[in-house]
Amino acid sequence: MEDPVTIEYCVPCGFEKQAVQLAEEIKDQFSERISQVILEPAQSIGSFEVSLGEELVFSKKNSGSLPHPGEVGQLIMMRLFK
């Protein structure tokens, strides 16, 4: 099993729904490779960060937007199968 995926999201921004949907998508796609998906309310406003273990996979801060459907799954796949 690989390291867990952590989704850090901004609660005041209303990103919880997107975080839950993304967690389900990741669980469905990588159930045999990912040990768990952790939803973590963020300490910073506007945050939506996804990490695989200690490695940052997606950052709203860096990209300027929330992830598109399938985007995070593709980024995780690239790291799992490199």
N, C-alpha and C. Protein backbone atom coordinates (compact mmCIF):
# COMPACT_ATOMS: atom_id res chain seq x y z
N MET A 1 0.83 -1.20 0.00
CA MET A 1 0.00 0.00 0.00
C MET A 1 0.87 1.25 0.00
N GLU A 2 0.43 2.22 -0.74
CA GLU A 2 1.12 3.51 -0.79
C GLU A 2 0.72 4.36 0.41
N ASP A 3 1.41 5.47 0.54
CA ASP A 3 1.09 6.44 1.58
C ASP A 3 -0.34 6.95 1.41
N PRO A 4 -0.91 7.52 2.47
CA PRO A 4 -2.26 8.07 2.35
C PRO A 4 -2.29 9.34 1.51
N VAL A 5 -3.47 9.64 1.01
CA VAL A 5 -3.71 10.90 0.33
C VAL A 5 -4.38 11.82 1.34
N THR A 6 -3.89 13.04 1.45
CA THR A 6 -4.48 14.04 2.33
C THR A 6 -5.04 15.17 1.48
N ILE A 7 -6.31 15.51 1.75
CA ILE A 7 -6.95 16.63 1.07
C ILE A 7 -7.20 17.69 2.13
N GLU A 8 -6.48 18.79 2.02
CA GLU A 8 -6.64 19.92 2.94
C GLU A 8 -7.52 20.95 2.25
N TYR A 9 -8.61 21.36 2.91
CA TYR A 9 -9.57 22.25 2.26
C TYR A 9 -10.04 23.35 3.19
N CYS A 10 -10.42 24.47 2.62
CA CYS A 10 -10.92 25.63 3.36
C CYS A 10 -12.41 25.46 3.64
N VAL A 11 -12.76 25.40 4.92
CA VAL A 11 -14.17 25.26 5.32
C VAL A 11 -14.96 26.55 5.05
N PRO A 12 -14.46 27.73 5.49
CA PRO A 12 -15.22 28.96 5.23
C PRO A 12 -15.45 29.24 3.74
N CYS A 13 -14.58 28.72 2.90
CA CYS A 13 -14.71 28.92 1.45
C CYS A 13 -15.76 28.00 0.83
N GLY A 14 -16.23 27.02 1.60
CA GLY A 14 -17.23 26.08 1.09
C GLY A 14 -16.65 24.98 0.24
N PHE A 15 -15.37 24.61 0.46
CA PHE A 15 -14.71 23.59 -0.35
C PHE A 15 -14.90 22.18 0.19
N GLU A 16 -15.66 22.02 1.26
CA GLU A 16 -15.83 20.69 1.85
C GLU A 16 -16.49 19.73 0.87
N LYS A 17 -17.51 20.17 0.15
CA LYS A 17 -18.21 19.30 -0.79
C LYS A 17 -17.25 18.78 -1.87
N GLN A 18 -16.42 19.67 -2.43
CA GLN A 18 -15.45 19.25 -3.44
C GLN A 18 -14.44 18.27 -2.85
N ALA A 19 -14.03 18.50 -1.61
CA ALA A 19 -13.06 17.61 -0.95
C ALA A 19 -13.64 16.22 -0.76
N VAL A 20 -14.90 16.14 -0.34
CA VAL A 20 -15.56 14.85 -0.13
C VAL A 20 -15.72 14.13 -1.47
N GLN A 21 -16.13 14.84 -2.50
CA GLN A 21 -16.28 14.23 -3.83
C GLN A 21 -14.94 13.72 -4.35
N LEU A 22 -13.89 14.50 -4.15
CA LEU A 22 -12.56 14.09 -4.60
C LEU A 22 -12.09 12.87 -3.82
N ALA A 23 -12.35 12.84 -2.52
CA ALA A 23 -11.96 11.69 -1.70
C ALA A 23 -12.62 10.42 -2.22
N GLU A 24 -13.90 10.49 -2.56
CA GLU A 24 -14.62 9.32 -3.09
C GLU A 24 -14.04 8.89 -4.43
N GLU A 25 -13.73 9.86 -5.27
CA GLU A 25 -13.14 9.57 -6.58
C GLU A 25 -11.79 8.84 -6.41
N ILE A 26 -10.98 9.32 -5.50
CA ILE A 26 -9.67 8.71 -5.25
C ILE A 26 -9.82 7.31 -4.68
N LYS A 27 -10.74 7.15 -3.73
CA LYS A 27 -10.99 5.82 -3.14
C LYS A 27 -11.43 4.83 -4.21
N ASP A 28 -12.33 5.27 -5.09
CA ASP A 28 -12.82 4.39 -6.15
C ASP A 28 -11.71 4.00 -7.13
N GLN A 29 -10.88 4.96 -7.47
CA GLN A 29 -9.86 4.73 -8.49
C GLN A 29 -8.63 4.01 -7.95
N PHE A 30 -8.28 4.24 -6.68
CA PHE A 30 -7.02 3.73 -6.16
C PHE A 30 -7.17 2.90 -4.89
N SER A 31 -8.29 2.25 -4.71
CA SER A 31 -8.56 1.52 -3.46
C SER A 31 -7.50 0.48 -3.13
N GLU A 32 -6.88 -0.09 -4.14
CA GLU A 32 -5.87 -1.13 -3.89
C GLU A 32 -4.46 -0.56 -3.73
N ARG A 33 -4.28 0.72 -4.03
CA ARG A 33 -2.94 1.33 -3.97
C ARG A 33 -2.77 2.36 -2.86
N ILE A 34 -3.86 2.99 -2.45
CA ILE A 34 -3.82 4.05 -1.44
C ILE A 34 -4.32 3.50 -0.11
N SER A 35 -3.57 3.72 0.96
CA SER A 35 -3.96 3.18 2.26
C SER A 35 -5.19 3.87 2.84
N GLN A 36 -5.31 5.19 2.63
CA GLN A 36 -6.48 5.92 3.10
C GLN A 36 -6.50 7.32 2.50
N VAL A 37 -7.67 7.95 2.56
CA VAL A 37 -7.80 9.34 2.13
C VAL A 37 -8.24 10.13 3.37
N ILE A 38 -7.45 11.13 3.71
CA ILE A 38 -7.69 11.93 4.91
C ILE A 38 -8.21 13.29 4.49
N LEU A 39 -9.36 13.68 5.04
CA LEU A 39 -9.90 15.02 4.82
C LEU A 39 -9.49 15.88 6.00
N GLU A 40 -8.84 17.00 5.71
CA GLU A 40 -8.28 17.84 6.76
C GLU A 40 -8.70 19.29 6.56
N PRO A 41 -9.55 19.84 7.46
CA PRO A 41 -9.89 21.26 7.36
C PRO A 41 -8.60 22.10 7.42
N ALA A 42 -8.50 23.09 6.56
CA ALA A 42 -7.27 23.88 6.42
C ALA A 42 -7.16 24.97 7.47
N GLN A 43 -5.93 25.34 7.72
CA GLN A 43 -5.64 26.46 8.61
C GLN A 43 -5.61 27.78 7.86
N SER A 44 -5.47 27.72 6.53
CA SER A 44 -5.39 28.96 5.76
C SER A 44 -6.58 29.11 4.82
N ILE A 45 -7.06 30.33 4.69
CA ILE A 45 -8.21 30.64 3.85
C ILE A 45 -7.85 30.41 2.37
N GLY A 46 -8.77 29.79 1.64
CA GLY A 46 -8.59 29.55 0.22
C GLY A 46 -7.84 28.28 -0.13
N SER A 47 -7.48 27.53 0.88
CA SER A 47 -6.65 26.35 0.67
C SER A 47 -7.43 25.17 0.09
N PHE A 48 -6.81 24.49 -0.86
CA PHE A 48 -7.28 23.20 -1.37
C PHE A 48 -6.04 22.50 -1.90
N GLU A 49 -5.41 21.74 -1.01
CA GLU A 49 -4.13 21.10 -1.31
C GLU A 49 -4.29 19.59 -1.20
N VAL A 50 -3.70 18.85 -2.12
CA VAL A 50 -3.78 17.40 -2.12
C VAL A 50 -2.35 16.85 -2.09
N SER A 51 -2.09 15.96 -1.13
CA SER A 51 -0.76 15.36 -1.00
C SER A 51 -0.86 13.86 -1.01
N LEU A 52 0.16 13.23 -1.58
CA LEU A 52 0.33 11.77 -1.52
C LEU A 52 1.52 11.55 -0.61
N GLY A 53 1.26 11.08 0.60
CA GLY A 53 2.31 11.02 1.61
C GLY A 53 2.76 12.43 1.91
N GLU A 54 4.04 12.69 1.77
CA GLU A 54 4.60 14.02 2.01
C GLU A 54 4.71 14.87 0.74
N GLU A 55 4.36 14.30 -0.41
CA GLU A 55 4.53 14.99 -1.68
C GLU A 55 3.25 15.73 -2.09
N LEU A 56 3.36 17.03 -2.34
CA LEU A 56 2.23 17.83 -2.80
C LEU A 56 1.91 17.44 -4.24
N VAL A 57 0.66 17.04 -4.47
CA VAL A 57 0.22 16.59 -5.79
C VAL A 57 -0.53 17.70 -6.52
N PHE A 58 -1.38 18.42 -5.79
CA PHE A 58 -2.17 19.50 -6.37
C PHE A 58 -2.27 20.62 -5.36
N SER A 59 -2.20 21.86 -5.86
CA SER A 59 -2.32 23.04 -5.00
C SER A 59 -3.17 24.10 -5.68
N LYS A 60 -4.28 24.46 -5.05
CA LYS A 60 -5.10 25.56 -5.56
C LYS A 60 -4.30 26.85 -5.54
N LYS A 61 -3.46 27.00 -4.53
CA LYS A 61 -2.62 28.19 -4.42
C LYS A 61 -1.72 28.33 -5.65
N ASN A 62 -1.15 27.22 -6.10
CA ASN A 62 -0.25 27.25 -7.27
C ASN A 62 -1.00 27.33 -8.59
N SER A 63 -2.14 26.64 -8.69
CA SER A 63 -2.86 26.58 -9.96
C SER A 63 -3.85 27.73 -10.15
N GLY A 64 -4.34 28.28 -9.03
CA GLY A 64 -5.31 29.37 -9.11
C GLY A 64 -6.75 28.93 -9.19
N SER A 65 -6.99 27.61 -9.20
CA SER A 65 -8.37 27.12 -9.28
C SER A 65 -8.48 25.75 -8.61
N LEU A 66 -9.72 25.36 -8.36
CA LEU A 66 -9.97 24.01 -7.85
C LEU A 66 -9.68 23.01 -8.97
N PRO A 67 -9.39 21.76 -8.62
CA PRO A 67 -9.07 20.78 -9.67
C PRO A 67 -10.28 20.44 -10.53
N HIS A 68 -10.00 20.15 -11.79
CA HIS A 68 -11.03 19.70 -12.71
C HIS A 68 -11.28 18.20 -12.47
N PRO A 69 -12.46 17.68 -12.82
CA PRO A 69 -12.72 16.24 -12.63
C PRO A 69 -11.63 15.40 -13.30
N GLY A 70 -11.10 14.45 -12.56
CA GLY A 70 -10.08 13.54 -13.07
C GLY A 70 -8.66 14.07 -12.99
N GLU A 71 -8.49 15.36 -12.76
CA GLU A 71 -7.15 15.96 -12.75
C GLU A 71 -6.27 15.40 -11.64
N VAL A 72 -6.79 15.36 -10.42
CA VAL A 72 -5.99 14.87 -9.29
C VAL A 72 -5.70 13.38 -9.45
N GLY A 73 -6.68 12.61 -9.92
CA GLY A 73 -6.46 11.19 -10.15
C GLY A 73 -5.32 10.95 -11.12
N GLN A 74 -5.26 11.75 -12.17
CA GLN A 74 -4.19 11.62 -13.15
C GLN A 74 -2.84 11.98 -12.53
N LEU A 75 -2.80 13.01 -11.70
CA LEU A 75 -1.55 13.40 -11.04
C LEU A 75 -1.08 12.33 -10.06
N ILE A 76 -2.02 11.73 -9.36
CA ILE A 76 -1.67 10.64 -8.42
C ILE A 76 -1.15 9.45 -9.21
N MET A 77 -1.82 9.10 -10.29
CA MET A 77 -1.41 7.97 -11.12
C MET A 77 0.02 8.15 -11.62
N MET A 78 0.35 9.35 -12.04
CA MET A 78 1.69 9.64 -12.54
C MET A 78 2.74 9.38 -11.45
N ARG A 79 2.41 9.68 -10.21
CA ARG A 79 3.36 9.48 -9.12
C ARG A 79 3.42 8.02 -8.68
N LEU A 80 2.30 7.34 -8.75
CA LEU A 80 2.28 5.92 -8.33
C LEU A 80 3.02 5.03 -9.32
N PHE A 81 2.96 5.36 -10.60
CA PHE A 81 3.52 4.51 -11.62
C PHE A 81 4.76 5.09 -12.28
N LYS A 82 5.48 5.96 -11.58
CA LYS A 82 6.70 6.53 -12.17
C LYS A 82 7.86 5.58 -12.07
